[in-house]
Amino acid sequence: MGSTFDHNWRQSGWVDLLQGEGCEVLPFLLPGHGGSPALSGPTDSAQRRLLMAVDALKGPVDVVGFSAGAVATLAAVIERPHLFRRAVLLGIGDAMLDRRTVGVTFLADALDEPAENPPASTLVRLIRQMVRVAGNDLSEVAAYARAMPPPPTWLQIANIDVPMLVGVGDRDEVGPADRLASTLPCGRLVTLRGVDHFTTTSSFASQDAVLRFLADVTPGAEPAASGTLTC
């Protein structure tokens, strides 16, 4: 949350790497990020927008999501699994999935604080900094954080039959993700050594694990129709 497609994926080399493997890369922006319109109301969500984008591609795709994008990806796969061939969830942890309320209020409040009142949490301070560096608007990112729906339940997660890779750094404050990976019927876990939340997408280990996962096509499986979405 707080970053952009260019900051997370293009600048760290993902676009070139995926295209080098023959993938068409299709960017997806979270609401209120990178020029994407803010949420328009209670029926609007990142999950809904992602499903609309994938549905327009007329076939199963691979999808890679990071942090809040990973949560939206997980929810989208649960709602319409036939649209996805494989999914990668990076920078996501078990604790992120225990929230049962609308919005991440503590984060939204911290993002709305004046600059002269720095938050106590190191993670939140870094998110604020990332929002500025990426050129996003703090108030729009805060609005998105405040409106985020609860993540999928563990029961829903246990019924996903789409192959999924879960990747989290061993220094990431959102980790661990052991329960998530073990609950997913077709889940794999990769622990990224020496990686924190904000170096996940720039980590060579992360890139290598994802490329290997996307290239590992099960015999008889339907190929991705239109490339790889990153969010």
Protein backbone atom coordinates (compact mmCIF):
# COMPACT_ATOMS: atom_id res chain seq x y z
CA MET A 1 0.00 0.00 0.00
CA GLY A 2 1.19 3.50 -0.82
CA SER A 3 3.40 2.63 -3.77
CA THR A 4 2.84 2.45 -7.54
CA PHE A 5 3.31 -0.03 -10.35
CA ASP A 6 6.41 1.76 -11.58
CA HIS A 7 7.98 1.90 -8.11
CA ASN A 8 7.27 -1.73 -7.18
CA TRP A 9 7.55 -3.52 -10.49
CA ARG A 10 9.13 -1.52 -13.31
CA GLN A 11 12.03 0.10 -11.45
CA SER A 12 12.95 -3.18 -9.75
CA GLY A 13 13.18 -5.01 -13.07
CA TRP A 14 10.07 -7.21 -12.93
CA VAL A 15 8.66 -5.98 -16.23
CA ASP A 16 11.87 -6.76 -18.11
CA LEU A 17 12.25 -10.14 -16.40
CA LEU A 18 8.68 -11.25 -17.11
CA GLN A 19 8.77 -10.02 -20.68
CA GLY A 20 12.06 -11.87 -21.11
CA GLU A 21 10.20 -15.05 -20.17
CA GLY A 22 7.61 -14.38 -22.86
CA CYS A 23 4.95 -12.87 -20.58
CA GLU A 24 2.83 -9.88 -21.45
CA VAL A 25 2.81 -7.68 -18.33
CA LEU A 26 -0.46 -5.96 -17.51
CA PRO A 27 -0.29 -3.41 -14.68
CA PHE A 28 -3.06 -3.00 -12.13
CA LEU A 29 -3.18 -0.02 -9.77
CA LEU A 30 -4.86 0.03 -6.38
CA PRO A 31 -7.54 2.71 -6.00
CA GLY A 32 -6.03 6.08 -5.11
CA HIS A 33 -2.56 4.96 -6.19
CA GLY A 34 -0.54 6.09 -9.20
CA GLY A 35 -3.37 8.09 -10.72
CA SER A 36 -6.00 5.36 -10.32
CA PRO A 37 -9.34 6.89 -9.24
CA ALA A 38 -10.13 6.75 -5.55
CA LEU A 39 -12.89 4.44 -4.37
CA SER A 40 -16.27 5.79 -5.45
CA GLY A 41 -18.47 4.17 -2.81
CA PRO A 42 -19.18 1.09 -0.70
CA THR A 43 -19.61 -1.20 -3.73
CA ASP A 44 -16.26 -0.17 -5.22
CA SER A 45 -13.11 -2.06 -4.21
CA ALA A 46 -9.71 -3.13 -5.50
CA GLN A 47 -11.02 -6.67 -5.73
CA ARG A 48 -13.93 -5.63 -7.99
CA ARG A 49 -11.68 -3.57 -10.24
CA LEU A 50 -9.18 -6.40 -10.52
CA LEU A 51 -11.91 -8.86 -11.50
CA MET A 52 -13.21 -6.46 -14.14
CA ALA A 53 -9.70 -6.11 -15.58
CA VAL A 54 -9.12 -9.86 -15.68
CA ASP A 55 -12.59 -10.62 -17.06
CA ALA A 56 -11.91 -8.34 -20.02
CA LEU A 57 -8.94 -10.52 -20.98
CA LYS A 58 -11.18 -13.50 -21.85
CA GLY A 59 -9.15 -16.24 -20.27
CA PRO A 60 -7.16 -17.37 -17.24
CA VAL A 61 -4.16 -15.25 -16.31
CA ASP A 62 -1.30 -15.37 -13.86
CA VAL A 63 -1.39 -12.65 -11.21
CA VAL A 64 1.27 -11.32 -8.84
CA GLY A 65 0.21 -9.11 -5.93
CA PHE A 66 2.24 -7.40 -3.24
CA SER A 67 1.08 -6.33 0.24
CA ALA A 68 -2.39 -4.75 -0.06
CA GLY A 69 -2.35 -5.88 -3.69
CA ALA A 70 -1.81 -9.44 -2.48
CA VAL A 71 -4.87 -9.23 -0.22
CA ALA A 72 -6.98 -7.93 -3.13
CA THR A 73 -5.59 -10.70 -5.33
CA LEU A 74 -6.51 -13.36 -2.77
CA ALA A 75 -10.07 -12.05 -2.52
CA ALA A 76 -10.43 -11.90 -6.31
CA VAL A 77 -9.20 -15.47 -6.78
CA ILE A 78 -11.68 -16.70 -4.17
CA GLU A 79 -14.59 -14.95 -5.87
CA ARG A 80 -13.83 -16.06 -9.43
CA PRO A 81 -11.14 -18.73 -9.44
CA HIS A 82 -11.72 -19.75 -13.06
CA LEU A 83 -10.21 -16.43 -14.19
CA PHE A 84 -6.80 -17.27 -12.75
CA ARG A 85 -4.24 -19.90 -13.68
CA ARG A 86 -1.76 -19.17 -10.90
CA ALA A 87 -1.40 -16.50 -8.23
CA VAL A 88 1.56 -15.11 -6.30
CA LEU A 89 1.09 -13.34 -2.96
CA LEU A 90 4.12 -11.34 -1.79
CA GLY A 91 4.51 -9.34 1.41
CA ILE A 92 1.46 -10.87 3.05
CA GLY A 93 1.26 -12.40 6.52
CA ASP A 94 -1.13 -14.36 8.68
CA ALA A 95 -1.92 -11.37 10.91
CA MET A 96 -3.15 -9.37 7.91
CA LEU A 97 -5.87 -11.96 7.37
CA ASP A 98 -7.20 -11.91 10.93
CA ARG A 99 -8.74 -8.42 10.54
CA ARG A 100 -12.54 -8.67 10.46
CA THR A 101 -13.38 -4.96 10.33
CA VAL A 102 -13.73 -2.56 7.42
CA GLY A 103 -10.58 -0.51 6.99
CA VAL A 104 -7.13 -0.44 8.56
CA THR A 105 -8.01 2.43 10.85
CA PHE A 106 -4.69 2.84 12.65
CA LEU A 107 -2.88 3.17 9.32
CA ALA A 108 -5.46 5.53 7.82
CA ASP A 109 -5.32 7.76 10.91
CA ALA A 110 -1.52 7.81 10.82
CA LEU A 111 -1.46 8.74 7.14
CA ASP A 112 -3.88 11.59 7.85
CA GLU A 113 -1.65 13.01 10.60
CA PRO A 114 0.24 16.24 9.84
CA ALA A 115 3.88 15.81 8.84
CA GLU A 116 5.03 17.32 12.14
CA ASN A 117 3.41 14.41 14.01
CA PRO A 118 5.45 11.36 12.89
CA PRO A 119 3.83 8.02 13.82
CA ALA A 120 5.49 5.85 16.45
CA SER A 121 5.41 2.71 14.28
CA THR A 122 8.46 2.25 12.07
CA LEU A 123 6.33 0.41 9.52
CA VAL A 124 3.83 3.27 9.28
CA ARG A 125 6.61 5.85 9.04
CA LEU A 126 8.10 3.94 6.13
CA ILE A 127 4.70 3.67 4.43
CA ARG A 128 4.27 7.44 4.73
CA GLN A 129 7.70 7.92 3.22
CA MET A 130 6.94 5.49 0.40
CA VAL A 131 3.69 7.32 -0.41
CA ARG A 132 5.64 10.55 -0.87
CA VAL A 133 8.50 8.98 -2.83
CA ALA A 134 6.06 7.24 -5.18
CA GLY A 135 4.24 10.53 -5.80
CA ASN A 136 0.94 9.42 -4.29
CA ASP A 137 -1.44 11.59 -2.30
CA LEU A 138 -1.44 10.78 1.42
CA SER A 139 -5.13 11.59 1.79
CA GLU A 140 -6.14 9.30 -1.10
CA VAL A 141 -4.05 6.42 0.24
CA ALA A 142 -5.53 7.02 3.70
CA ALA A 143 -9.03 6.92 2.21
CA TYR A 144 -8.23 3.58 0.59
CA ALA A 145 -6.87 2.19 3.87
CA ARG A 146 -9.99 3.36 5.69
CA ALA A 147 -12.35 1.66 3.21
CA MET A 148 -10.58 -1.67 2.70
CA PRO A 149 -13.03 -4.55 3.19
CA PRO A 150 -12.16 -7.37 5.57
CA PRO A 151 -9.88 -9.96 3.96
CA PRO A 152 -11.16 -13.43 3.12
CA THR A 153 -11.84 -15.81 5.99
CA TRP A 154 -9.67 -18.82 6.70
CA LEU A 155 -12.54 -21.08 5.62
CA GLN A 156 -12.69 -19.36 2.24
CA ILE A 157 -8.92 -19.63 1.87
CA ALA A 158 -9.09 -23.36 2.59
CA ASN A 159 -11.32 -23.87 -0.47
CA ILE A 160 -9.09 -22.25 -3.12
CA ASP A 161 -7.96 -24.73 -5.77
CA VAL A 162 -5.75 -22.29 -7.72
CA PRO A 163 -2.00 -22.90 -7.32
CA MET A 164 -0.52 -20.13 -5.17
CA LEU A 165 2.95 -19.07 -4.11
CA VAL A 166 3.24 -17.13 -0.85
CA GLY A 167 6.45 -15.15 -0.38
CA VAL A 168 7.41 -13.16 2.71
CA GLY A 169 10.74 -11.92 4.03
CA ASP A 170 12.08 -13.20 7.32
CA ARG A 171 12.50 -9.56 8.37
CA ASP A 172 9.04 -8.50 7.22
CA GLU A 173 6.86 -7.16 10.04
CA VAL A 174 3.73 -8.60 8.42
CA GLY A 175 5.07 -12.16 8.62
CA PRO A 176 5.05 -15.02 9.16
CA ALA A 177 2.73 -16.56 6.56
CA ASP A 178 2.97 -20.22 7.56
CA ARG A 179 -0.73 -20.60 8.32
CA LEU A 180 -1.74 -19.00 5.02
CA ALA A 181 0.52 -21.24 2.96
CA SER A 182 -0.52 -24.39 4.82
CA THR A 183 -4.24 -23.52 4.61
CA LEU A 184 -4.13 -23.05 0.84
CA PRO A 185 -4.80 -26.48 -0.71
CA CYS A 186 -2.36 -25.73 -3.55
CA GLY A 187 -0.10 -23.35 -1.64
CA ARG A 188 3.67 -23.08 -1.47
CA LEU A 189 5.69 -20.90 0.90
CA VAL A 190 9.02 -19.27 0.19
CA THR A 191 10.77 -17.43 3.01
CA LEU A 192 12.98 -14.65 1.67
CA ARG A 193 16.14 -14.48 3.77
CA GLY A 194 17.29 -11.04 4.86
CA VAL A 195 14.29 -9.35 3.21
CA ASP A 196 11.94 -6.86 4.87
CA HIS A 197 8.59 -5.59 3.62
CA PHE A 198 9.99 -2.73 1.58
CA THR A 199 12.70 -4.73 -0.18
CA THR A 200 10.42 -7.61 -1.17
CA THR A 201 9.86 -6.64 -4.78
CA SER A 202 13.50 -5.67 -5.32
CA SER A 203 14.78 -8.94 -3.86
CA PHE A 204 16.50 -11.27 -6.33
CA ALA A 205 15.31 -14.24 -4.27
CA SER A 206 11.72 -13.02 -4.66
CA GLN A 207 12.06 -12.56 -8.41
CA ASP A 208 13.72 -15.94 -8.85
CA ALA A 209 11.06 -17.77 -6.82
CA VAL A 210 8.22 -16.13 -8.75
CA LEU A 211 9.72 -16.80 -12.17
CA ARG A 212 10.28 -20.45 -11.27
CA PHE A 213 6.71 -20.77 -9.99
CA LEU A 214 5.13 -19.19 -13.06
CA ALA A 215 7.25 -21.36 -15.37
CA ASP A 216 6.28 -24.57 -13.58
CA VAL A 217 3.25 -25.49 -15.70
CA THR A 218 1.51 -28.64 -14.55
CA PRO A 219 1.08 -31.12 -17.45
CA GLY A 220 -2.36 -30.66 -18.97
CA ALA A 221 -2.91 -27.29 -17.30
CA GLU A 222 -4.45 -24.51 -19.35
CA PRO A 223 -1.89 -21.83 -20.30
CA ALA A 224 -2.31 -18.25 -19.23
CA ALA A 225 -4.36 -16.43 -21.85
CA SER A 226 -3.15 -12.88 -21.70
CA GLY A 227 -0.07 -12.57 -19.54
CA THR A 228 0.68 -11.59 -15.99
CA LEU A 229 -1.10 -8.91 -13.97
CA THR A 230 0.92 -7.16 -11.27
CA CYS A 231 -0.72 -5.14 -8.50
